[in-house]
Protein backbone atom coordinates (compact mmCIF):
# COMPACT_ATOMS: atom_id res chain seq x y z
CA MET A 1 -19.54 -35.13 21.75
CA SER A 2 -22.47 -34.68 18.94
CA ALA A 3 -21.84 -34.06 15.50
CA ARG A 4 -22.72 -30.32 15.82
CA GLN A 5 -20.16 -29.31 18.44
CA ASP A 6 -17.23 -31.59 16.39
CA HIS A 7 -18.52 -29.43 13.52
CA GLY A 8 -17.71 -25.90 15.55
CA ASN A 9 -14.68 -27.66 17.25
CA VAL A 10 -13.30 -28.06 13.38
CA LYS A 11 -14.55 -24.59 12.30
CA ALA A 12 -12.76 -22.96 15.44
CA GLU A 13 -9.31 -24.98 14.21
CA ASN A 14 -9.66 -23.70 10.90
CA THR A 15 -10.25 -20.03 11.87
CA GLY A 16 -7.26 -20.37 14.06
CA LEU A 17 -5.24 -21.71 11.44
CA GLU A 18 -6.08 -19.05 8.98
CA ALA A 19 -5.15 -16.79 11.12
CA LEU A 20 -1.69 -18.11 12.06
CA SER A 21 -1.14 -18.64 8.17
CA GLY A 22 -2.31 -14.69 7.30
CA ARG A 23 -5.68 -16.30 4.83
CA PRO A 24 -8.63 -14.52 5.27
CA ALA A 25 -11.40 -17.04 6.10
CA ALA A 26 -12.94 -18.55 2.80
CA ASP A 27 -16.71 -17.41 3.54
CA ASN A 28 -16.07 -13.94 4.64
CA PRO A 29 -12.92 -12.62 2.02
CA PRO A 30 -11.72 -9.16 2.83
CA ARG A 31 -13.66 -6.58 0.25
CA ARG A 32 -11.05 -5.62 -3.07
CA LEU A 33 -10.31 -2.01 -3.03
CA SER A 34 -12.28 -1.54 -6.21
CA ALA A 35 -15.46 -2.59 -3.95
CA VAL A 36 -15.03 0.19 -1.22
CA PHE A 37 -14.42 2.63 -3.91
CA GLU A 38 -17.73 1.99 -5.75
CA GLU A 39 -19.45 1.95 -2.47
CA LEU A 40 -18.13 5.16 -1.25
CA ALA A 41 -19.33 6.68 -4.89
CA ARG A 42 -22.36 5.13 -4.75
CA ASN A 43 -23.53 6.25 -1.12
CA ALA A 44 -21.90 9.88 -1.49
CA ASP A 45 -24.95 12.19 -0.44
CA GLY A 46 -22.10 15.22 -0.13
CA PRO A 47 -18.27 15.98 -0.60
CA VAL A 48 -16.24 12.59 0.25
CA THR A 49 -13.14 13.30 2.70
CA VAL A 50 -10.32 11.74 3.46
CA GLU A 51 -11.68 10.59 6.39
CA GLN A 52 -14.63 8.94 4.89
CA PHE A 53 -12.19 6.95 2.40
CA ARG A 54 -9.56 5.88 5.47
CA GLN A 55 -12.68 4.65 7.56
CA ALA A 56 -13.85 2.86 4.67
CA LEU A 57 -10.72 0.74 3.93
CA GLY A 58 -10.92 -0.34 7.86
CA ASP A 59 -7.75 -2.46 7.95
CA ARG A 60 -6.90 -1.90 4.85
CA SER A 61 -5.99 1.89 5.52
CA PHE A 62 -2.19 1.70 5.41
CA ALA A 63 -2.29 -0.97 2.21
CA ALA A 64 -4.44 1.53 0.15
CA LEU A 65 -2.96 4.92 1.63
CA LEU A 66 0.60 3.61 0.63
CA VAL A 67 -0.86 2.70 -3.30
CA PHE A 68 -2.64 6.54 -3.19
CA PHE A 69 0.73 8.03 -1.93
CA SER A 70 3.49 5.74 -4.20
CA CYS A 71 1.16 6.60 -7.33
CA LEU A 72 1.41 10.54 -6.97
CA ASN A 73 4.69 10.20 -6.63
CA LEU A 74 5.07 8.48 -10.07
CA LEU A 75 3.35 11.92 -11.50
CA PRO A 76 5.77 13.76 -13.36
CA LEU A 77 5.89 16.53 -11.26
CA PRO A 78 8.82 19.38 -10.69
CA PRO A 79 11.72 18.37 -9.41
CA GLY A 80 11.82 18.30 -5.65
CA SER A 81 8.08 17.57 -5.28
CA THR A 82 9.24 14.19 -3.82
CA LEU A 83 10.99 15.44 -0.87
CA VAL A 84 6.90 16.83 0.20
CA LEU A 85 4.83 14.16 -1.34
CA GLY A 86 7.53 11.41 0.24
CA ILE A 87 6.50 12.80 3.73
CA PRO A 88 3.45 11.16 3.79
CA LEU A 89 4.95 7.74 2.96
CA LEU A 90 7.63 7.78 5.75
CA LEU A 91 5.05 8.55 8.18
CA LEU A 92 2.59 5.21 6.99
CA SER A 93 5.79 3.47 7.22
CA VAL A 94 7.03 4.44 10.65
CA GLN A 95 3.53 3.69 12.14
CA MET A 96 3.50 0.13 10.37
CA VAL A 97 6.62 -0.34 11.71
CA PHE A 98 5.62 0.50 15.55
CA GLY A 99 2.44 -1.69 15.05
CA ARG A 100 -0.13 0.71 15.04
CA ARG A 101 -3.55 -0.74 13.66
CA ALA A 102 -4.96 2.38 12.14
CA ALA A 103 -3.41 4.78 10.04
CA TRP A 104 -3.09 8.26 11.45
CA LEU A 105 -2.95 11.40 9.57
CA PRO A 106 -2.60 14.97 10.39
CA LYS A 107 -6.51 16.41 11.14
CA PHE A 108 -5.82 19.14 7.60
CA VAL A 109 -5.04 16.10 5.54
CA LEU A 110 -8.25 14.25 7.10
CA ARG A 111 -10.17 16.98 6.19
CA LYS A 112 -9.68 17.38 2.57
CA SER A 113 -12.61 16.47 0.54
CA ILE A 114 -13.78 15.95 -3.09
CA ALA A 115 -17.17 17.14 -4.44
CA ALA A 116 -19.10 13.70 -4.42
CA ASP A 117 -20.06 14.37 -8.39
CA SER A 118 -16.03 14.49 -8.76
CA PHE A 119 -15.54 11.85 -7.11
CA ARG A 120 -17.67 9.80 -8.93
CA HIS A 121 -16.18 10.48 -12.27
CA PHE A 122 -13.18 9.39 -10.72
CA THR A 123 -14.18 5.84 -9.62
CA LYS A 124 -15.79 5.87 -13.23
CA ARG A 125 -12.44 5.95 -14.85
CA PHE A 126 -10.28 4.51 -11.95
CA ILE A 127 -12.20 1.56 -10.96
CA PRO A 128 -12.11 -0.10 -14.53
CA ARG A 129 -8.34 -0.21 -14.09
CA LEU A 130 -8.61 -1.37 -11.10
CA LYS A 131 -10.52 -4.20 -11.55
CA TRP A 132 -8.57 -5.06 -14.43
CA ALA A 133 -5.40 -5.07 -11.57
CA GLU A 134 -7.45 -7.03 -9.27
CA ARG A 135 -8.07 -9.79 -11.69
CA PHE A 136 -4.06 -11.17 -11.59
CA ILE A 137 -4.11 -10.02 -7.57
CA ARG A 138 -5.62 -12.63 -4.89
CA PRO A 139 -5.23 -14.16 -1.28
CA ARG A 140 -2.75 -16.92 -2.22
CA TYR A 141 0.57 -17.88 -0.41
CA TRP A 142 0.63 -15.01 2.39
CA PRO A 143 3.82 -15.83 4.69
CA PHE A 144 2.60 -14.07 7.68
CA ALA A 145 -0.17 -13.73 10.15
CA ARG A 146 -1.47 -10.42 10.90
CA SER A 147 0.23 -8.91 13.99
CA HIS A 148 3.59 -9.63 11.54
CA ALA A 149 2.56 -8.66 8.48
CA ASP A 150 2.52 -5.40 8.53
CA ARG A 151 5.35 -4.29 10.77
CA ILE A 152 7.61 -6.18 8.14
CA ILE A 153 5.88 -4.84 4.97
CA GLY A 154 6.22 -1.51 7.11
CA SER A 155 10.05 -1.67 7.36
CA ILE A 156 10.19 -2.93 3.53
CA ALA A 157 7.89 0.41 2.63
CA LEU A 158 10.42 2.43 4.87
CA ILE A 159 13.26 1.68 3.43
CA LEU A 160 11.62 2.60 0.08
CA SER A 161 10.13 6.06 1.09
CA ILE A 162 13.36 7.02 2.13
CA ALA A 163 14.75 6.25 -1.03
CA VAL A 164 11.67 7.97 -2.55
CA THR A 165 12.99 11.52 -0.82
CA LEU A 166 16.29 11.21 -1.78
CA PRO A 167 17.13 14.07 -4.15
CA ILE A 168 18.18 12.22 -7.46
CA PRO A 169 17.07 13.42 -10.30
CA LEU A 170 14.58 10.30 -12.16
CA GLY A 171 15.59 8.19 -9.34
CA ASN A 172 12.57 8.40 -7.33
CA TRP A 173 10.06 6.41 -9.93
CA PHE A 174 11.39 3.25 -9.15
CA PRO A 175 11.06 3.15 -5.29
CA ALA A 176 7.68 4.58 -5.61
CA PHE A 177 6.57 2.47 -8.07
CA SER A 178 7.49 -0.44 -5.81
CA CYS A 179 6.22 0.73 -2.99
CA ALA A 180 3.22 0.51 -4.69
CA LEU A 181 3.10 -2.39 -5.42
CA VAL A 182 3.82 -3.73 -1.43
CA GLY A 183 0.44 -1.52 -1.21
CA LEU A 184 -1.35 -4.19 -3.51
CA ALA A 185 0.08 -6.59 -2.26
CA LEU A 186 -0.65 -6.14 1.39
CA SER A 187 -4.39 -5.23 0.43
CA GLU A 188 -5.20 -8.56 -0.94
CA ARG A 189 -2.45 -10.62 1.02
CA ASP A 190 -0.62 -11.64 -2.12
CA GLY A 191 2.72 -13.01 -1.69
CA VAL A 192 3.41 -14.10 -4.96
CA LEU A 193 2.94 -9.78 -5.94
CA LEU A 194 4.99 -9.37 -2.50
CA SER A 195 7.61 -11.05 -4.09
CA ILE A 196 7.78 -9.48 -6.80
CA ALA A 197 7.80 -6.14 -4.91
CA VAL A 198 10.66 -7.17 -3.31
CA VAL A 199 12.70 -7.92 -6.16
CA SER A 200 11.46 -4.61 -7.63
CA GLY A 201 12.61 -2.75 -4.45
CA ALA A 202 15.96 -4.39 -4.42
CA LEU A 203 16.53 -3.55 -8.05
CA SER A 204 15.39 0.30 -7.32
CA LEU A 205 18.01 0.35 -4.49
CA ALA A 206 20.40 -0.99 -6.94
CA VAL A 207 20.17 1.27 -9.55
CA ILE A 208 20.23 4.39 -7.04
CA ALA A 209 23.26 3.01 -5.73
CA VAL A 210 24.76 2.36 -9.24
CA VAL A 211 23.80 6.49 -9.70
CA VAL A 212 25.55 7.48 -6.73
CA GLY A 213 28.21 5.75 -7.21
CA ALA A 214 28.69 6.93 -10.59
CA ALA A 215 28.34 10.42 -10.07
CA SER A 216 30.59 10.45 -7.15
CA LEU A 217 33.42 8.84 -9.48
CA LEU A 218 32.61 11.28 -11.88
CA ALA A 219 33.11 14.53 -9.34
CA GLY A 220 36.28 12.99 -7.79
CA VAL A 221 37.44 12.68 -11.64
CA LEU A 222 36.84 16.34 -12.17
CA ILE A 223 38.07 18.02 -9.22
CA HIS A 224 41.50 15.94 -9.93
C-alpha cells in the first residue's frame, strides 16, 4: 500500500472518529454565529427575512433560533407575554426531540423581514458583543454525535421551554436564560457551557418549585 493510500485511510479514520465524538474536523470548523451575521449584513441588498437567516445558519438553525427566542423572553415585557413568546421555543424543542434536521416555522414567520439598513445597524451593535462571548465559547468536550445531540438537547430545551411558559411572576427569566445557554452550547459544540447550562436549568426549575410550593402553603394557610 502506498504512502498516499495510508494517509487517505488515516484521514478517513480520523473523520469517522470526529463524527462519533461530535467534534468538527480541524480543517473544516463550523462557522461562528458572528460570521453568519456579518455575511448576511454584508450581502444584504434588500430586506433580510427570517427564512434567509434560517438558510444561512444551515445545521445551526435550531441552536441560533433557540438563542433568539430565549433572548426575547429575557426582555422586560408585560405579564403574560411568555405565554406567546414561549410557544416558538416549545415548537423548536419538540422538533429537535423528534430528530428533524432543519427547523420548521410557519410561513408567516419566515416571511417576516427587516430592512437591510436596519439589519446592518443592528449587527454593528450586536456582533461585537457576540464576538466577546465567543471568545469563551469553543468546541470542547462535546459528548454527543450529531444524531444524538439534537434529541438530548431538545429534551432539555423542552423542559425549560415549558417552564418559560408557566404563568409565574418573574419565574420565566431564569429558565429562558438557561435555554439561551443551551442554544449557545449546541451552536459551538461546547460541552463545558452545556454543563453550566444544565446546572443553571436545574437551579431554575428548583426556584420555580420553591415558589410554587411556598404559594401553595400560603394559600392553604389563608384558606384555613
